[in-house]
Amino acid sequence: MLPEHEQLSTRAKGVAGIYFGTGTELTFRCIEAKPSPKMQAALDELVKAELISARPFNKYGGTVYTREMGSDVAQGFWKFAMANLDNKALKFPVTVKAEPTP
């Protein structure tokens, strides 16, 4: 994590660390479940900051999120997440039930 990332929300920094600190890709198929509003907001924040990218995955609105930050930056987010696991901002549902597509 770099100094310019301090303005990110605690939730976005936590998601960056938990899902992209050691991994490079996160896929939401959106068939049975989709990102919760809080998870989606954090992912959108990370995309806007160009730390991850998003691309469509399927006809159901699925998305593949790919790590764009370097591994050293990702490691910083991972350390942040591990140090803040008890933070209430990081306690939220990751997914919610997806609505059936007609």
C-alpha atoms as a PDB file:
ATOM      1  CA  MET A   1       0.000   0.000   0.000  1.00  0.00           C
ATOM      2  CA  LEU A   2       1.349   3.374  -0.992  1.00  0.00           C
ATOM      3  CA  PRO A   3       0.719   6.758   0.679  1.00  0.00           C
ATOM      4  CA  GLU A   4      -1.705   7.742  -2.106  1.00  0.00           C
ATOM      5  CA  HIS A   5      -3.902   4.802  -1.118  1.00  0.00           C
ATOM      6  CA  GLU A   6      -4.591   6.219   2.346  1.00  0.00           C
ATOM      7  CA  GLN A   7      -7.662   8.078   0.989  1.00  0.00           C
ATOM      8  CA  LEU A   8      -9.342   4.767   0.135  1.00  0.00           C
ATOM      9  CA  SER A   9     -12.066   3.641   2.505  1.00  0.00           C
ATOM     10  CA  THR A  10     -11.199   1.111   5.165  1.00  0.00           C
ATOM     11  CA  ARG A  11     -13.556  -1.333   3.457  1.00  0.00           C
ATOM     12  CA  ALA A  12     -11.814  -0.942   0.067  1.00  0.00           C
ATOM     13  CA  LYS A  13      -8.382  -1.390   1.648  1.00  0.00           C
ATOM     14  CA  GLY A  14      -9.639  -4.491   3.457  1.00  0.00           C
ATOM     15  CA  VAL A  15     -11.114  -5.990   0.286  1.00  0.00           C
ATOM     16  CA  ALA A  16      -7.877  -5.235  -1.556  1.00  0.00           C
ATOM     17  CA  GLY A  17      -5.913  -7.061   1.115  1.00  0.00           C
ATOM     18  CA  ILE A  18      -8.224  -9.996   1.725  1.00  0.00           C
ATOM     19  CA  TYR A  19      -9.017 -10.812  -1.910  1.00  0.00           C
ATOM     20  CA  PHE A  20      -6.048  -9.414  -3.831  1.00  0.00           C
ATOM     21  CA  GLY A  21      -3.244  -9.412  -1.252  1.00  0.00           C
ATOM     22  CA  THR A  22      -2.192 -12.907  -2.260  1.00  0.00           C
ATOM     23  CA  GLY A  23      -4.639 -13.672  -5.073  1.00  0.00           C
ATOM     24  CA  THR A  24      -4.841 -12.126  -8.498  1.00  0.00           C
ATOM     25  CA  GLU A  25      -8.437 -12.725  -9.559  1.00  0.00           C
ATOM     26  CA  LEU A  26     -11.936 -12.731  -8.075  1.00  0.00           C
ATOM     27  CA  THR A  27     -14.979 -13.888 -10.054  1.00  0.00           C
ATOM     28  CA  PHE A  28     -18.633 -13.271  -9.318  1.00  0.00           C
ATOM     29  CA  ARG A  29     -20.782 -15.423 -11.618  1.00  0.00           C
ATOM     30  CA  CYS A  30     -23.983 -13.675 -10.437  1.00  0.00           C
ATOM     31  CA  ILE A  31     -26.099 -16.738 -11.130  1.00  0.00           C
ATOM     32  CA  GLU A  32     -27.085 -17.567  -7.538  1.00  0.00           C
ATOM     33  CA  ALA A  33     -25.325 -14.752  -5.665  1.00  0.00           C
ATOM     34  CA  LYS A  34     -23.907 -11.343  -6.504  1.00  0.00           C
ATOM     35  CA  PRO A  35     -21.707  -8.899  -4.579  1.00  0.00           C
ATOM     36  CA  SER A  36     -23.476  -7.215  -1.679  1.00  0.00           C
ATOM     37  CA  PRO A  37     -23.872  -3.431  -1.995  1.00  0.00           C
ATOM     38  CA  LYS A  38     -20.950  -2.885   0.419  1.00  0.00           C
ATOM     39  CA  MET A  39     -18.729  -5.337  -1.452  1.00  0.00           C
ATOM     40  CA  GLN A  40     -19.679  -3.789  -4.790  1.00  0.00           C
ATOM     41  CA  ALA A  41     -18.890  -0.298  -3.503  1.00  0.00           C
ATOM     42  CA  ALA A  42     -15.442  -1.452  -2.325  1.00  0.00           C
ATOM     43  CA  LEU A  43     -14.736  -3.179  -5.648  1.00  0.00           C
ATOM     44  CA  ASP A  44     -15.868  -0.087  -7.569  1.00  0.00           C
ATOM     45  CA  GLU A  45     -13.561   2.062  -5.449  1.00  0.00           C
ATOM     46  CA  LEU A  46     -10.614  -0.228  -6.222  1.00  0.00           C
ATOM     47  CA  VAL A  47     -11.432  -0.194  -9.950  1.00  0.00           C
ATOM     48  CA  LYS A  48     -11.635   3.613  -9.913  1.00  0.00           C
ATOM     49  CA  ALA A  49      -8.215   3.733  -8.217  1.00  0.00           C
ATOM     50  CA  GLU A  50      -6.920   1.387 -10.968  1.00  0.00           C
ATOM     51  CA  LEU A  51      -5.753  -1.165  -8.386  1.00  0.00           C
ATOM     52  CA  ILE A  52      -7.960  -3.820  -9.974  1.00  0.00           C
ATOM     53  CA  SER A  53      -9.753  -4.095 -13.310  1.00  0.00           C
ATOM     54  CA  ALA A  54     -13.195  -5.471 -14.088  1.00  0.00           C
ATOM     55  CA  ARG A  55     -14.459  -7.289 -17.159  1.00  0.00           C
ATOM     56  CA  PRO A  56     -17.819  -8.889 -17.936  1.00  0.00           C
ATOM     57  CA  PHE A  57     -17.973 -12.630 -17.412  1.00  0.00           C
ATOM     58  CA  ASN A  58     -21.339 -13.964 -18.573  1.00  0.00           C
ATOM     59  CA  LYS A  59     -24.890 -13.057 -19.610  1.00  0.00           C
ATOM     60  CA  TYR A  60     -25.990 -12.907 -15.958  1.00  0.00           C
ATOM     61  CA  GLY A  61     -23.950  -9.823 -15.130  1.00  0.00           C
ATOM     62  CA  GLY A  62     -20.986 -11.744 -13.780  1.00  0.00           C
ATOM     63  CA  THR A  63     -17.684  -9.931 -13.440  1.00  0.00           C
ATOM     64  CA  VAL A  64     -14.057 -10.972 -13.201  1.00  0.00           C
ATOM     65  CA  TYR A  65     -11.906  -8.635 -11.107  1.00  0.00           C
ATOM     66  CA  THR A  66      -8.176  -8.831 -11.794  1.00  0.00           C
ATOM     67  CA  ARG A  67      -5.363  -7.417  -9.690  1.00  0.00           C
ATOM     68  CA  GLU A  68      -3.509  -4.630 -11.489  1.00  0.00           C
ATOM     69  CA  MET A  69      -1.385  -3.430  -8.558  1.00  0.00           C
ATOM     70  CA  GLY A  70       2.087  -4.816  -8.092  1.00  0.00           C
ATOM     71  CA  SER A  71       2.680  -7.596  -5.597  1.00  0.00           C
ATOM     72  CA  ASP A  72       4.493  -5.230  -3.206  1.00  0.00           C
ATOM     73  CA  VAL A  73       1.454  -2.930  -3.086  1.00  0.00           C
ATOM     74  CA  ALA A  74      -0.873  -5.932  -2.726  1.00  0.00           C
ATOM     75  CA  GLN A  75       1.242  -7.196   0.178  1.00  0.00           C
ATOM     76  CA  GLY A  76       0.789  -3.836   1.902  1.00  0.00           C
ATOM     77  CA  PHE A  77      -2.977  -4.152   1.607  1.00  0.00           C
ATOM     78  CA  TRP A  78      -2.774  -7.707   2.942  1.00  0.00           C
ATOM     79  CA  LYS A  79      -0.859  -6.469   5.999  1.00  0.00           C
ATOM     80  CA  PHE A  80      -3.481  -3.748   6.491  1.00  0.00           C
ATOM     81  CA  ALA A  81      -6.311  -6.298   6.309  1.00  0.00           C
ATOM     82  CA  MET A  82      -4.643  -8.695   8.749  1.00  0.00           C
ATOM     83  CA  ALA A  83      -4.050  -5.866  11.224  1.00  0.00           C
ATOM     84  CA  ASN A  84      -7.691  -4.743  10.961  1.00  0.00           C
ATOM     85  CA  LEU A  85      -9.676  -7.977  10.930  1.00  0.00           C
ATOM     86  CA  ASP A  86     -11.657  -6.850  13.978  1.00  0.00           C
ATOM     87  CA  ASN A  87     -12.615  -3.527  12.385  1.00  0.00           C
ATOM     88  CA  LYS A  88     -16.408  -3.268  11.999  1.00  0.00           C
ATOM     89  CA  ALA A  89     -15.958  -1.799   8.510  1.00  0.00           C
ATOM     90  CA  LEU A  90     -14.615  -5.172   7.384  1.00  0.00           C
ATOM     91  CA  LYS A  91     -17.561  -7.148   8.768  1.00  0.00           C
ATOM     92  CA  PHE A  92     -20.213  -7.234   6.049  1.00  0.00           C
ATOM     93  CA  PRO A  93     -21.847  -9.821   3.788  1.00  0.00           C
ATOM     94  CA  VAL A  94     -19.775 -10.438   0.679  1.00  0.00           C
ATOM     95  CA  THR A  95     -22.700 -11.662  -1.421  1.00  0.00           C
ATOM     96  CA  VAL A  96     -26.459 -11.407  -1.576  1.00  0.00           C
ATOM     97  CA  LYS A  97     -28.917 -13.592  -3.449  1.00  0.00           C
ATOM     98  CA  ALA A  98     -29.018 -12.790  -7.159  1.00  0.00           C
ATOM     99  CA  GLU A  99     -32.380 -12.090  -8.735  1.00  0.00           C
ATOM    100  CA  PRO A 100     -33.355 -14.612 -11.420  1.00  0.00           C
ATOM    101  CA  THR A 101     -32.709 -13.398 -14.952  1.00  0.00           C
ATOM    102  CA  PRO A 102     -35.763 -13.736 -17.209  1.00  0.00           C
END
